[in-house]
Amino acid sequence: MTREELSDVPITPLGIGIGGQPGKYRIAKTVNDLASNLLSDWKHPKDDIWRAAISACIRAFEVQSNGDAARGAFILAAEDAELPLIAHAHNLMPTGEARDQRQKMAVWKPRDARARH
């Protein structure tokens, strides 16, 4: 399978700590974002847990689904490496993305005064 044949697999957004800088996070929205972090930006030992996360990303690319499994494996590797994460990073997304996709809340309306009698 070539790179052109692959489309990226979306995941639930995940905030990944950037290089030990407190309060600085990169938002991963796809399996490609996770794999890129594991392959390029990983400053921690590349142990069995890291290899399992890479394998989960590869499987997600191969079947073009299962982004949640890749995300879960990444979280395990990040926790093992003591990398700070924000699991519910959709709150950090810029306006126009996840923040604008909130469900509308029902609006309470008082009953008509005549209906109470």
PDB file of N, CA and C in Angstrom:
ATOM      1  N   MET A   1       0.843  -1.164   0.000  1.00  0.00           N
ATOM      2  CA  MET A   1       0.000   0.000   0.000  1.00  0.00           C
ATOM      3  C   MET A   1       0.898   1.241   0.000  1.00  0.00           C
ATOM      4  N   THR A   2       0.666   2.140  -0.903  1.00  0.00           N
ATOM      5  CA  THR A   2       1.483   3.351  -0.983  1.00  0.00           C
ATOM      6  C   THR A   2       0.862   4.461  -0.144  1.00  0.00           C
ATOM      7  N   ARG A   3       1.641   5.485   0.104  1.00  0.00           N
ATOM      8  CA  ARG A   3       1.167   6.631   0.886  1.00  0.00           C
ATOM      9  C   ARG A   3      -0.045   7.284   0.222  1.00  0.00           C
ATOM     10  N   GLU A   4      -0.077   7.307  -1.094  1.00  0.00           N
ATOM     11  CA  GLU A   4      -1.189   7.925  -1.817  1.00  0.00           C
ATOM     12  C   GLU A   4      -2.483   7.137  -1.638  1.00  0.00           C
ATOM     13  N   GLU A   5      -2.378   5.827  -1.376  1.00  0.00           N
ATOM     14  CA  GLU A   5      -3.564   4.995  -1.209  1.00  0.00           C
ATOM     15  C   GLU A   5      -4.158   5.098   0.190  1.00  0.00           C
ATOM     16  N   LEU A   6      -3.397   5.638   1.123  1.00  0.00           N
ATOM     17  CA  LEU A   6      -3.852   5.732   2.496  1.00  0.00           C
ATOM     18  C   LEU A   6      -4.534   7.068   2.749  1.00  0.00           C
ATOM     19  N   SER A   7      -5.654   7.008   3.424  1.00  0.00           N
ATOM     20  CA  SER A   7      -6.229   8.244   3.934  1.00  0.00           C
ATOM     21  C   SER A   7      -6.064   8.178   5.444  1.00  0.00           C
ATOM     22  N   ASP A   8      -5.994   9.301   6.071  1.00  0.00           N
ATOM     23  CA  ASP A   8      -5.722   9.302   7.501  1.00  0.00           C
ATOM     24  C   ASP A   8      -6.949   8.870   8.287  1.00  0.00           C
ATOM     25  N   VAL A   9      -6.706   8.302   9.445  1.00  0.00           N
ATOM     26  CA  VAL A   9      -7.753   7.777  10.311  1.00  0.00           C
ATOM     27  C   VAL A   9      -7.953   8.768  11.459  1.00  0.00           C
ATOM     28  N   PRO A  10      -9.169   9.306  11.610  1.00  0.00           N
ATOM     29  CA  PRO A  10      -9.403  10.275  12.685  1.00  0.00           C
ATOM     30  C   PRO A  10      -9.440   9.603  14.060  1.00  0.00           C
ATOM     31  N   ILE A  11      -9.105  10.383  15.078  1.00  0.00           N
ATOM     32  CA  ILE A  11      -9.183   9.920  16.467  1.00  0.00           C
ATOM     33  C   ILE A  11      -9.872  11.003  17.290  1.00  0.00           C
ATOM     34  N   THR A  12     -10.273  10.648  18.497  1.00  0.00           N
ATOM     35  CA  THR A  12     -10.736  11.652  19.447  1.00  0.00           C
ATOM     36  C   THR A  12      -9.521  12.509  19.787  1.00  0.00           C
ATOM     37  N   PRO A  13      -9.624  13.834  19.680  1.00  0.00           N
ATOM     38  CA  PRO A  13      -8.459  14.693  19.909  1.00  0.00           C
ATOM     39  C   PRO A  13      -7.751  14.398  21.233  1.00  0.00           C
ATOM     40  N   LEU A  14      -6.426  14.458  21.182  1.00  0.00           N
ATOM     41  CA  LEU A  14      -5.578  14.150  22.328  1.00  0.00           C
ATOM     42  C   LEU A  14      -4.503  15.224  22.427  1.00  0.00           C
ATOM     43  N   GLY A  15      -4.377  15.865  23.589  1.00  0.00           N
ATOM     44  CA  GLY A  15      -3.327  16.851  23.817  1.00  0.00           C
ATOM     45  C   GLY A  15      -2.056  16.153  24.269  1.00  0.00           C
ATOM     46  N   ILE A  16      -0.953  16.407  23.587  1.00  0.00           N
ATOM     47  CA  ILE A  16       0.330  15.760  23.888  1.00  0.00           C
ATOM     48  C   ILE A  16       1.315  16.837  24.328  1.00  0.00           C
ATOM     49  N   GLY A  17       1.896  16.656  25.516  1.00  0.00           N
ATOM     50  CA  GLY A  17       2.867  17.617  26.043  1.00  0.00           C
ATOM     51  C   GLY A  17       4.032  17.808  25.088  1.00  0.00           C
ATOM     52  N   ILE A  18       4.468  19.052  24.931  1.00  0.00           N
ATOM     53  CA  ILE A  18       5.561  19.390  24.016  1.00  0.00           C
ATOM     54  C   ILE A  18       6.850  19.564  24.800  1.00  0.00           C
ATOM     55  N   GLY A  19       7.810  18.690  24.548  1.00  0.00           N
ATOM     56  CA  GLY A  19       9.181  18.800  25.041  1.00  0.00           C
ATOM     57  C   GLY A  19       9.399  19.313  26.447  1.00  0.00           C
ATOM     58  N   GLY A  20       8.603  18.877  27.396  1.00  0.00           N
ATOM     59  CA  GLY A  20       8.823  19.277  28.777  1.00  0.00           C
ATOM     60  C   GLY A  20       8.465  20.720  29.089  1.00  0.00           C
ATOM     61  N   GLN A  21       7.772  21.391  28.187  1.00  0.00           N
ATOM     62  CA  GLN A  21       7.370  22.771  28.416  1.00  0.00           C
ATOM     63  C   GLN A  21       6.010  22.771  29.123  1.00  0.00           C
ATOM     64  N   PRO A  22       5.957  23.140  30.390  1.00  0.00           N
ATOM     65  CA  PRO A  22       4.695  23.113  31.127  1.00  0.00           C
ATOM     66  C   PRO A  22       3.608  23.932  30.435  1.00  0.00           C
ATOM     67  N   GLY A  23       2.442  23.345  30.306  1.00  0.00           N
ATOM     68  CA  GLY A  23       1.306  24.038  29.709  1.00  0.00           C
ATOM     69  C   GLY A  23       1.298  24.092  28.196  1.00  0.00           C
ATOM     70  N   LYS A  24       2.289  23.518  27.531  1.00  0.00           N
ATOM     71  CA  LYS A  24       2.352  23.527  26.068  1.00  0.00           C
ATOM     72  C   LYS A  24       1.971  22.139  25.550  1.00  0.00           C
ATOM     73  N   TYR A  25       0.957  22.095  24.690  1.00  0.00           N
ATOM     74  CA  TYR A  25       0.459  20.833  24.154  1.00  0.00           C
ATOM     75  C   TYR A  25       0.261  20.929  22.648  1.00  0.00           C
ATOM     76  N   ARG A  26       0.462  19.823  21.994  1.00  0.00           N
ATOM     77  CA  ARG A  26       0.157  19.664  20.567  1.00  0.00           C
ATOM     78  C   ARG A  26      -1.118  18.824  20.512  1.00  0.00           C
ATOM     79  N   ILE A  27      -2.046  19.184  19.650  1.00  0.00           N
ATOM     80  CA  ILE A  27      -3.295  18.439  19.530  1.00  0.00           C
ATOM     81  C   ILE A  27      -3.159  17.409  18.410  1.00  0.00           C
ATOM     82  N   ALA A  28      -3.336  16.133  18.757  1.00  0.00           N
ATOM     83  CA  ALA A  28      -3.347  15.051  17.766  1.00  0.00           C
ATOM     84  C   ALA A  28      -4.809  14.761  17.426  1.00  0.00           C
ATOM     85  N   LYS A  29      -5.131  14.824  16.121  1.00  0.00           N
ATOM     86  CA  LYS A  29      -6.504  14.580  15.671  1.00  0.00           C
ATOM     87  C   LYS A  29      -6.609  13.352  14.776  1.00  0.00           C
ATOM     88  N   THR A  30      -5.451  12.784  14.394  1.00  0.00           N
ATOM     89  CA  THR A  30      -5.443  11.636  13.486  1.00  0.00           C
ATOM     90  C   THR A  30      -4.377  10.634  13.912  1.00  0.00           C
ATOM     91  N   VAL A  31      -4.486   9.420  13.376  1.00  0.00           N
ATOM     92  CA  VAL A  31      -3.474   8.398  13.640  1.00  0.00           C
ATOM     93  C   VAL A  31      -2.122   8.870  13.106  1.00  0.00           C
ATOM     94  N   ASN A  32      -2.122   9.593  12.000  1.00  0.00           N
ATOM     95  CA  ASN A  32      -0.873  10.125  11.451  1.00  0.00           C
ATOM     96  C   ASN A  32      -0.187  11.049  12.461  1.00  0.00           C
ATOM     97  N   ASP A  33      -0.964  11.862  13.179  1.00  0.00           N
ATOM     98  CA  ASP A  33      -0.395  12.740  14.208  1.00  0.00           C
ATOM     99  C   ASP A  33       0.279  11.908  15.301  1.00  0.00           C
ATOM    100  N   LEU A  34      -0.377  10.813  15.712  1.00  0.00           N
ATOM    101  CA  LEU A  34       0.197   9.941  16.738  1.00  0.00           C
ATOM    102  C   LEU A  34       1.486   9.298  16.250  1.00  0.00           C
ATOM    103  N   ALA A  35       1.439   8.737  15.035  1.00  0.00           N
ATOM    104  CA  ALA A  35       2.612   8.058  14.474  1.00  0.00           C
ATOM    105  C   ALA A  35       3.767   9.039  14.304  1.00  0.00           C
ATOM    106  N   SER A  36       3.468  10.236  13.866  1.00  0.00           N
ATOM    107  CA  SER A  36       4.505  11.258  13.696  1.00  0.00           C
ATOM    108  C   SER A  36       5.176  11.557  15.034  1.00  0.00           C
ATOM    109  N   ASN A  37       4.380  11.667  16.081  1.00  0.00           N
ATOM    110  CA  ASN A  37       4.943  11.936  17.399  1.00  0.00           C
ATOM    111  C   ASN A  37       5.807  10.771  17.865  1.00  0.00           C
ATOM    112  N   LEU A  38       5.349   9.546  17.637  1.00  0.00           N
ATOM    113  CA  LEU A  38       6.109   8.366  18.057  1.00  0.00           C
ATOM    114  C   LEU A  38       7.414   8.209  17.283  1.00  0.00           C
ATOM    115  N   LEU A  39       7.403   8.567  15.997  1.00  0.00           N
ATOM    116  CA  LEU A  39       8.574   8.353  15.153  1.00  0.00           C
ATOM    117  C   LEU A  39       9.543   9.535  15.130  1.00  0.00           C
ATOM    118  N   SER A  40       9.028  10.739  15.202  1.00  0.00           N
ATOM    119  CA  SER A  40       9.893  11.916  15.049  1.00  0.00           C
ATOM    120  C   SER A  40      10.195  12.635  16.356  1.00  0.00           C
ATOM    121  N   ASP A  41       9.182  12.772  17.194  1.00  0.00           N
ATOM    122  CA  ASP A  41       9.309  13.642  18.361  1.00  0.00           C
ATOM    123  C   ASP A  41       9.541  12.888  19.666  1.00  0.00           C
ATOM    124  N   TRP A  42       9.595  11.577  19.624  1.00  0.00           N
ATOM    125  CA  TRP A  42       9.694  10.767  20.843  1.00  0.00           C
ATOM    126  C   TRP A  42      11.095  10.862  21.442  1.00  0.00           C
ATOM    127  N   LYS A  43      11.202  11.432  22.636  1.00  0.00           N
ATOM    128  CA  LYS A  43      12.501  11.615  23.302  1.00  0.00           C
ATOM    129  C   LYS A  43      12.723  10.595  24.413  1.00  0.00           C
ATOM    130  N   HIS A  44      11.851   9.610  24.512  1.00  0.00           N
ATOM    131  CA  HIS A  44      11.887   8.639  25.597  1.00  0.00           C
ATOM    132  C   HIS A  44      12.370   7.286  25.056  1.00  0.00           C
ATOM    133  N   PRO A  45      12.718   6.360  25.945  1.00  0.00           N
ATOM    134  CA  PRO A  45      13.174   5.036  25.472  1.00  0.00           C
ATOM    135  C   PRO A  45      12.135   4.360  24.563  1.00  0.00           C
ATOM    136  N   LYS A  46      12.623   3.766  23.520  1.00  0.00           N
ATOM    137  CA  LYS A  46      11.743   3.082  22.564  1.00  0.00           C
ATOM    138  C   LYS A  46      11.680   1.604  22.956  1.00  0.00           C
ATOM    139  N   ASP A  47      10.810   1.328  23.938  1.00  0.00           N
ATOM    140  CA  ASP A  47      10.692  -0.003  24.510  1.00  0.00           C
ATOM    141  C   ASP A  47       9.523  -0.771  23.888  1.00  0.00           C
ATOM    142  N   ASP A  48       9.122  -1.869  24.535  1.00  0.00           N
ATOM    143  CA  ASP A  48       8.040  -2.705  24.009  1.00  0.00           C
ATOM    144  C   ASP A  48       6.707  -1.960  23.934  1.00  0.00           C
ATOM    145  N   ILE A  49       6.448  -1.102  24.907  1.00  0.00           N
ATOM    146  CA  ILE A  49       5.190  -0.345  24.894  1.00  0.00           C
ATOM    147  C   ILE A  49       5.185   0.637  23.730  1.00  0.00           C
ATOM    148  N   TRP A  50       6.318   1.267  23.467  1.00  0.00           N
ATOM    149  CA  TRP A  50       6.444   2.168  22.313  1.00  0.00           C
ATOM    150  C   TRP A  50       6.214   1.387  21.016  1.00  0.00           C
ATOM    151  N   ARG A  51       6.830   0.186  20.910  1.00  0.00           N
ATOM    152  CA  ARG A  51       6.660  -0.635  19.702  1.00  0.00           C
ATOM    153  C   ARG A  51       5.201  -1.063  19.514  1.00  0.00           C
ATOM    154  N   ALA A  52       4.504  -1.345  20.617  1.00  0.00           N
ATOM    155  CA  ALA A  52       3.083  -1.707  20.534  1.00  0.00           C
ATOM    156  C   ALA A  52       2.255  -0.531  20.006  1.00  0.00           C
ATOM    157  N   ALA A  53       2.601   0.688  20.415  1.00  0.00           N
ATOM    158  CA  ALA A  53       1.893   1.869  19.922  1.00  0.00           C
ATOM    159  C   ALA A  53       2.140   2.068  18.427  1.00  0.00           C
ATOM    160  N   ILE A  54       3.387   1.870  17.987  1.00  0.00           N
ATOM    161  CA  ILE A  54       3.696   1.957  16.549  1.00  0.00           C
ATOM    162  C   ILE A  54       2.902   0.907  15.782  1.00  0.00           C
ATOM    163  N   SER A  55       2.860  -0.318  16.293  1.00  0.00           N
ATOM    164  CA  SER A  55       2.118  -1.405  15.631  1.00  0.00           C
ATOM    165  C   SER A  55       0.632  -1.082  15.535  1.00  0.00           C
ATOM    166  N   ALA A  56       0.063  -0.497  16.587  1.00  0.00           N
ATOM    167  CA  ALA A  56      -1.358  -0.131  16.567  1.00  0.00           C
ATOM    168  C   ALA A  56      -1.627   0.935  15.505  1.00  0.00           C
ATOM    169  N   CYS A  57      -0.705   1.883  15.346  1.00  0.00           N
ATOM    170  CA  CYS A  57      -0.851   2.905  14.295  1.00  0.00           C
ATOM    171  C   CYS A  57      -0.788   2.265  12.911  1.00  0.00           C
ATOM    172  N   ILE A  58       0.149   1.358  12.726  1.00  0.00           N
ATOM    173  CA  ILE A  58       0.281   0.686  11.428  1.00  0.00           C
ATOM    174  C   ILE A  58      -0.990  -0.107  11.111  1.00  0.00           C
ATOM    175  N   ARG A  59      -1.518  -0.837  12.101  1.00  0.00           N
ATOM    176  CA  ARG A  59      -2.757  -1.596  11.882  1.00  0.00           C
ATOM    177  C   ARG A  59      -3.910  -0.668  11.510  1.00  0.00           C
ATOM    178  N   ALA A  60      -4.006   0.482  12.182  1.00  0.00           N
ATOM    179  CA  ALA A  60      -5.075   1.434  11.872  1.00  0.00           C
ATOM    180  C   ALA A  60      -4.946   1.933  10.429  1.00  0.00           C
ATOM    181  N   PHE A  61      -3.719   2.182   9.970  1.00  0.00           N
ATOM    182  CA  PHE A  61      -3.511   2.590   8.576  1.00  0.00           C
ATOM    183  C   PHE A  61      -3.895   1.471   7.620  1.00  0.00           C
ATOM    184  N   GLU A  62      -3.531   0.240   7.953  1.00  0.00           N
ATOM    185  CA  GLU A  62      -3.800  -0.893   7.056  1.00  0.00           C
ATOM    186  C   GLU A  62      -5.286  -1.143   6.863  1.00  0.00           C
ATOM    187  N   VAL A  63      -6.057  -1.066   7.943  1.00  0.00           N
ATOM    188  CA  VAL A  63      -7.492  -1.357   7.836  1.00  0.00           C
ATOM    189  C   VAL A  63      -8.332  -0.091   7.698  1.00  0.00           C
ATOM    190  N   GLN A  64      -7.679   1.067   7.754  1.00  0.00           N
ATOM    191  CA  GLN A  64      -8.344   2.359   7.622  1.00  0.00           C
ATOM    192  C   GLN A  64      -9.458   2.546   8.653  1.00  0.00           C
ATOM    193  N   SER A  65      -9.241   2.019   9.834  1.00  0.00           N
ATOM    194  CA  SER A  65     -10.156   2.212  10.954  1.00  0.00           C
ATOM    195  C   SER A  65      -9.402   1.900  12.230  1.00  0.00           C
ATOM    196  N   ASN A  66     -10.116   1.803  13.323  1.00  0.00           N
ATOM    197  CA  ASN A  66      -9.538   1.443  14.609  1.00  0.00           C
ATOM    198  C   ASN A  66      -8.584   2.501  15.151  1.00  0.00           C
ATOM    199  N   GLY A  67      -8.907   3.748  14.893  1.00  0.00           N
ATOM    200  CA  GLY A  67      -8.113   4.841  15.438  1.00  0.00           C
ATOM    201  C   GLY A  67      -8.130   4.857  16.962  1.00  0.00           C
ATOM    202  N   ASP A  68      -9.249   4.388  17.557  1.00  0.00           N
ATOM    203  CA  ASP A  68      -9.331   4.358  19.020  1.00  0.00           C
ATOM    204  C   ASP A  68      -8.298   3.413  19.626  1.00  0.00           C
ATOM    205  N   ALA A  69      -8.029   2.290  18.964  1.00  0.00           N
ATOM    206  CA  ALA A  69      -7.019   1.346  19.463  1.00  0.00           C
ATOM    207  C   ALA A  69      -5.628   1.981  19.390  1.00  0.00           C
ATOM    208  N   ALA A  70      -5.337   2.688  18.301  1.00  0.00           N
ATOM    209  CA  ALA A  70      -4.044   3.369  18.170  1.00  0.00           C
ATOM    210  C   ALA A  70      -3.914   4.462  19.228  1.00  0.00           C
ATOM    211  N   ARG A  71      -4.996   5.192  19.457  1.00  0.00           N
ATOM    212  CA  ARG A  71      -4.994   6.251  20.473  1.00  0.00           C
ATOM    213  C   ARG A  71      -4.746   5.649  21.856  1.00  0.00           C
ATOM    214  N   GLY A  72      -5.421   4.535  22.165  1.00  0.00           N
ATOM    215  CA  GLY A  72      -5.246   3.876  23.453  1.00  0.00           C
ATOM    216  C   GLY A  72      -3.823   3.383  23.654  1.00  0.00           C
ATOM    217  N   ALA A  73      -3.241   2.796  22.619  1.00  0.00           N
ATOM    218  CA  ALA A  73      -1.858   2.315  22.700  1.00  0.00           C
ATOM    219  C   ALA A  73      -0.895   3.483  22.886  1.00  0.00           C
ATOM    220  N   PHE A  74      -1.167   4.602  22.201  1.00  0.00           N
ATOM    221  CA  PHE A  74      -0.330   5.792  22.358  1.00  0.00           C
ATOM    222  C   PHE A  74      -0.402   6.303  23.796  1.00  0.00           C
ATOM    223  N   ILE A  75      -1.603   6.337  24.358  1.00  0.00           N
ATOM    224  CA  ILE A  75      -1.771   6.808  25.739  1.00  0.00           C
ATOM    225  C   ILE A  75      -0.963   5.943  26.701  1.00  0.00           C
ATOM    226  N   LEU A  76      -0.990   4.617  26.512  1.00  0.00           N
ATOM    227  CA  LEU A  76      -0.199   3.725  27.370  1.00  0.00           C
ATOM    228  C   LEU A  76       1.299   4.027  27.259  1.00  0.00           C
ATOM    229  N   ALA A  77       1.769   4.223  26.024  1.00  0.00           N
ATOM    230  CA  ALA A  77       3.189   4.533  25.813  1.00  0.00           C
ATOM    231  C   ALA A  77       3.545   5.880  26.437  1.00  0.00           C
ATOM    232  N   ALA A  78       2.673   6.862  26.283  1.00  0.00           N
ATOM    233  CA  ALA A  78       2.933   8.195  26.839  1.00  0.00           C
ATOM    234  C   ALA A  78       2.941   8.155  28.364  1.00  0.00           C
ATOM    235  N   GLU A  79       2.009   7.414  28.945  1.00  0.00           N
ATOM    236  CA  GLU A  79       1.991   7.292  30.406  1.00  0.00           C
ATOM    237  C   GLU A  79       3.251   6.587  30.902  1.00  0.00           C
ATOM    238  N   ASP A  80       3.693   5.552  30.182  1.00  0.00           N
ATOM    239  CA  ASP A  80       4.918   4.846  30.546  1.00  0.00           C
ATOM    240  C   ASP A  80       6.127   5.788  30.485  1.00  0.00           C
ATOM    241  N   ALA A  81       6.120   6.698  29.521  1.00  0.00           N
ATOM    242  CA  ALA A  81       7.218   7.656  29.354  1.00  0.00           C
ATOM    243  C   ALA A  81       7.017   8.919  30.203  1.00  0.00           C
ATOM    244  N   GLU A  82       5.941   8.945  31.005  1.00  0.00           N
ATOM    245  CA  GLU A  82       5.602  10.093  31.844  1.00  0.00           C
ATOM    246  C   GLU A  82       5.453  11.376  31.033  1.00  0.00           C
ATOM    247  N   LEU A  83       4.860  11.231  29.855  1.00  0.00           N
ATOM    248  CA  LEU A  83       4.584  12.356  28.970  1.00  0.00           C
ATOM    249  C   LEU A  83       3.213  12.925  29.331  1.00  0.00           C
ATOM    250  N   PRO A  84       3.111  14.231  29.575  1.00  0.00           N
ATOM    251  CA  PRO A  84       1.800  14.792  29.937  1.00  0.00           C
ATOM    252  C   PRO A  84       0.819  14.723  28.778  1.00  0.00           C
ATOM    253  N   LEU A  85      -0.424  14.368  29.110  1.00  0.00           N
ATOM    254  CA  LEU A  85      -1.490  14.250  28.113  1.00  0.00           C
ATOM    255  C   LEU A  85      -2.738  14.971  28.597  1.00  0.00           C
ATOM    256  N   ILE A  86      -3.546  15.387  27.653  1.00  0.00           N
ATOM    257  CA  ILE A  86      -4.897  15.865  27.937  1.00  0.00           C
ATOM    258  C   ILE A  86      -5.818  14.991  27.099  1.00  0.00           C
ATOM    259  N   ALA A  87      -6.534  14.087  27.769  1.00  0.00           N
ATOM    260  CA  ALA A  87      -7.354  13.109  27.061  1.00  0.00           C
ATOM    261  C   ALA A  87      -8.584  13.732  26.410  1.00  0.00           C
ATOM    262  N   HIS A  88      -9.090  14.815  26.947  1.00  0.00           N
ATOM    263  CA  HIS A  88     -10.279  15.458  26.395  1.00  0.00           C
ATOM    264  C   HIS A  88      -9.887  16.780  25.739  1.00  0.00           C
ATOM    265  N   ALA A  89      -9.041  16.685  24.737  1.00  0.00           N
ATOM    266  CA  ALA A  89      -8.464  17.883  24.117  1.00  0.00           C
ATOM    267  C   ALA A  89      -9.423  18.618  23.196  1.00  0.00           C
ATOM    268  N   HIS A  90     -10.625  18.077  22.976  1.00  0.00           N
ATOM    269  CA  HIS A  90     -11.568  18.794  22.113  1.00  0.00           C
ATOM    270  C   HIS A  90     -11.880  20.176  22.680  1.00  0.00           C
ATOM    271  N   ASN A  91     -11.718  20.358  23.991  1.00  0.00           N
ATOM    272  CA  ASN A  91     -11.927  21.675  24.595  1.00  0.00           C
ATOM    273  C   ASN A  91     -10.834  22.668  24.218  1.00  0.00           C
ATOM    274  N   LEU A  92      -9.694  22.173  23.730  1.00  0.00           N
ATOM    275  CA  LEU A  92      -8.582  23.038  23.354  1.00  0.00           C
ATOM    276  C   LEU A  92      -8.571  23.380  21.873  1.00  0.00           C
ATOM    277  N   MET A  93      -9.504  22.814  21.127  1.00  0.00           N
ATOM    278  CA  MET A  93      -9.522  23.015  19.678  1.00  0.00           C
ATOM    279  C   MET A  93      -9.893  24.461  19.357  1.00  0.00           C
ATOM    280  N   PRO A  94      -9.324  25.026  18.297  1.00  0.00           N
ATOM    281  CA  PRO A  94      -9.672  26.391  17.905  1.00  0.00           C
ATOM    282  C   PRO A  94     -11.138  26.500  17.500  1.00  0.00           C
ATOM    283  N   THR A  95     -11.678  27.692  17.579  1.00  0.00           N
ATOM    284  CA  THR A  95     -13.044  27.944  17.139  1.00  0.00           C
ATOM    285  C   THR A  95     -13.200  27.508  15.689  1.00  0.00           C
ATOM    286  N   GLY A  96     -14.331  26.903  15.379  1.00  0.00           N
ATOM    287  CA  GLY A  96     -14.575  26.459  14.009  1.00  0.00           C
ATOM    288  C   GLY A  96     -14.436  24.961  13.875  1.00  0.00           C
ATOM    289  N   GLU A  97     -13.925  24.284  14.895  1.00  0.00           N
ATOM    290  CA  GLU A  97     -13.796  22.830  14.819  1.00  0.00           C
ATOM    291  C   GLU A  97     -14.708  22.218  15.871  1.00  0.00           C
ATOM    292  N   ALA A  98     -14.182  21.447  16.776  1.00  0.00           N
ATOM    293  CA  ALA A  98     -14.997  20.708  17.737  1.00  0.00           C
ATOM    294  C   ALA A  98     -15.847  21.617  18.621  1.00  0.00           C
ATOM    295  N   ARG A  99     -15.326  22.790  18.979  1.00  0.00           N
ATOM    296  CA  ARG A  99     -16.104  23.675  19.853  1.00  0.00           C
ATOM    297  C   ARG A  99     -17.412  24.102  19.214  1.00  0.00           C
ATOM    298  N   ASP A 100     -17.450  24.251  17.910  1.00  0.00           N
ATOM    299  CA  ASP A 100     -18.656  24.693  17.231  1.00  0.00           C
ATOM    300  C   ASP A 100     -19.616  23.550  16.934  1.00  0.00           C
ATOM    301  N   GLN A 101     -19.249  22.332  17.307  1.00  0.00           N
ATOM    302  CA  GLN A 101     -20.087  21.183  17.012  1.00  0.00           C
ATOM    303  C   GLN A 101     -20.846  20.707  18.243  1.00  0.00           C
ATOM    304  N   ARG A 102     -20.973  21.551  19.241  1.00  0.00           N
ATOM    305  CA  ARG A 102     -21.706  21.188  20.447  1.00  0.00           C
ATOM    306  C   ARG A 102     -23.177  20.978  20.112  1.00  0.00           C
ATOM    307  N   GLN A 103     -23.807  20.102  20.874  1.00  0.00           N
ATOM    308  CA  GLN A 103     -25.236  19.912  20.686  1.00  0.00           C
ATOM    309  C   GLN A 103     -25.965  21.100  21.304  1.00  0.00           C
ATOM    310  N   LYS A 104     -27.048  21.500  20.668  1.00  0.00           N
ATOM    311  CA  LYS A 104     -27.826  22.605  21.197  1.00  0.00           C
ATOM    312  C   LYS A 104     -28.625  22.116  22.395  1.00  0.00           C
ATOM    313  N   MET A 105     -28.631  22.918  23.433  1.00  0.00           N
ATOM    314  CA  MET A 105     -29.378  22.587  24.640  1.00  0.00           C
ATOM    315  C   MET A 105     -30.823  23.039  24.454  1.00  0.00           C
ATOM    316  N   ALA A 106     -31.734  22.287  25.040  1.00  0.00           N
ATOM    317  CA  ALA A 106     -33.142  22.674  24.993  1.00  0.00           C
ATOM    318  C   ALA A 106     -33.324  23.966  25.785  1.00  0.00           C
ATOM    319  N   VAL A 107     -34.153  24.823  25.284  1.00  0.00           N
ATOM    320  CA  VAL A 107     -34.413  26.101  25.939  1.00  0.00           C
ATOM    321  C   VAL A 107     -35.696  25.962  26.745  1.00  0.00           C
ATOM    322  N   TRP A 108     -35.619  26.322  28.026  1.00  0.00           N
ATOM    323  CA  TRP A 108     -36.789  26.253  28.884  1.00  0.00           C
ATOM    324  C   TRP A 108     -37.689  27.430  28.593  1.00  0.00           C
ATOM    325  N   LYS A 109     -38.964  27.139  28.419  1.00  0.00           N
ATOM    326  CA  LYS A 109     -39.949  28.186  28.178  1.00  0.00           C
ATOM    327  C   LYS A 109     -41.062  28.028  29.202  1.00  0.00           C
ATOM    328  N   PRO A 110     -41.428  29.106  29.889  1.00  0.00           N
ATOM    329  CA  PRO A 110     -42.499  28.992  30.868  1.00  0.00           C
ATOM    330  C   PRO A 110     -43.836  28.709  30.188  1.00  0.00           C
ATOM    331  N   ARG A 111     -44.674  27.976  30.929  1.00  0.00           N
ATOM    332  CA  ARG A 111     -45.990  27.685  30.374  1.00  0.00           C
ATOM    333  C   ARG A 111     -46.804  28.959  30.293  1.00  0.00           C
ATOM    334  N   ASP A 112     -47.708  28.962  29.389  1.00  0.00           N
ATOM    335  CA  ASP A 112     -48.614  30.077  29.233  1.00  0.00           C
ATOM    336  C   ASP A 112     -49.448  30.198  30.510  1.00  0.00           C
ATOM    337  N   ALA A 113     -49.692  31.393  30.989  1.00  0.00           N
ATOM    338  CA  ALA A 113     -50.430  31.620  32.223  1.00  0.00           C
ATOM    339  C   ALA A 113     -51.826  30.996  32.141  1.00  0.00           C
ATOM    340  N   ARG A 114     -52.449  30.997  30.956  1.00  0.00           N
ATOM    341  CA  ARG A 114     -53.783  30.435  30.802  1.00  0.00           C
ATOM    342  C   ARG A 114     -53.769  28.916  30.967  1.00  0.00           C
ATOM    343  N   ALA A 115     -52.637  28.263  30.658  1.00  0.00           N
ATOM    344  CA  ALA A 115     -52.574  26.804  30.734  1.00  0.00           C
ATOM    345  C   ALA A 115     -52.537  26.318  32.185  1.00  0.00           C
ATOM    346  N   ARG A 116     -52.162  27.170  33.115  1.00  0.00           N
ATOM    347  CA  ARG A 116     -52.074  26.774  34.525  1.00  0.00           C
ATOM    348  C   ARG A 116     -53.436  26.743  35.207  1.00  0.00           C
ATOM    349  N   HIS A 117     -54.452  27.393  34.683  1.00  0.00           N
ATOM    350  CA  HIS A 117     -55.735  27.458  35.355  1.00  0.00           C
ATOM    351  C   HIS A 117     -56.610  26.338  34.977  1.00  0.00           C
TER     352      HIS A 117
END
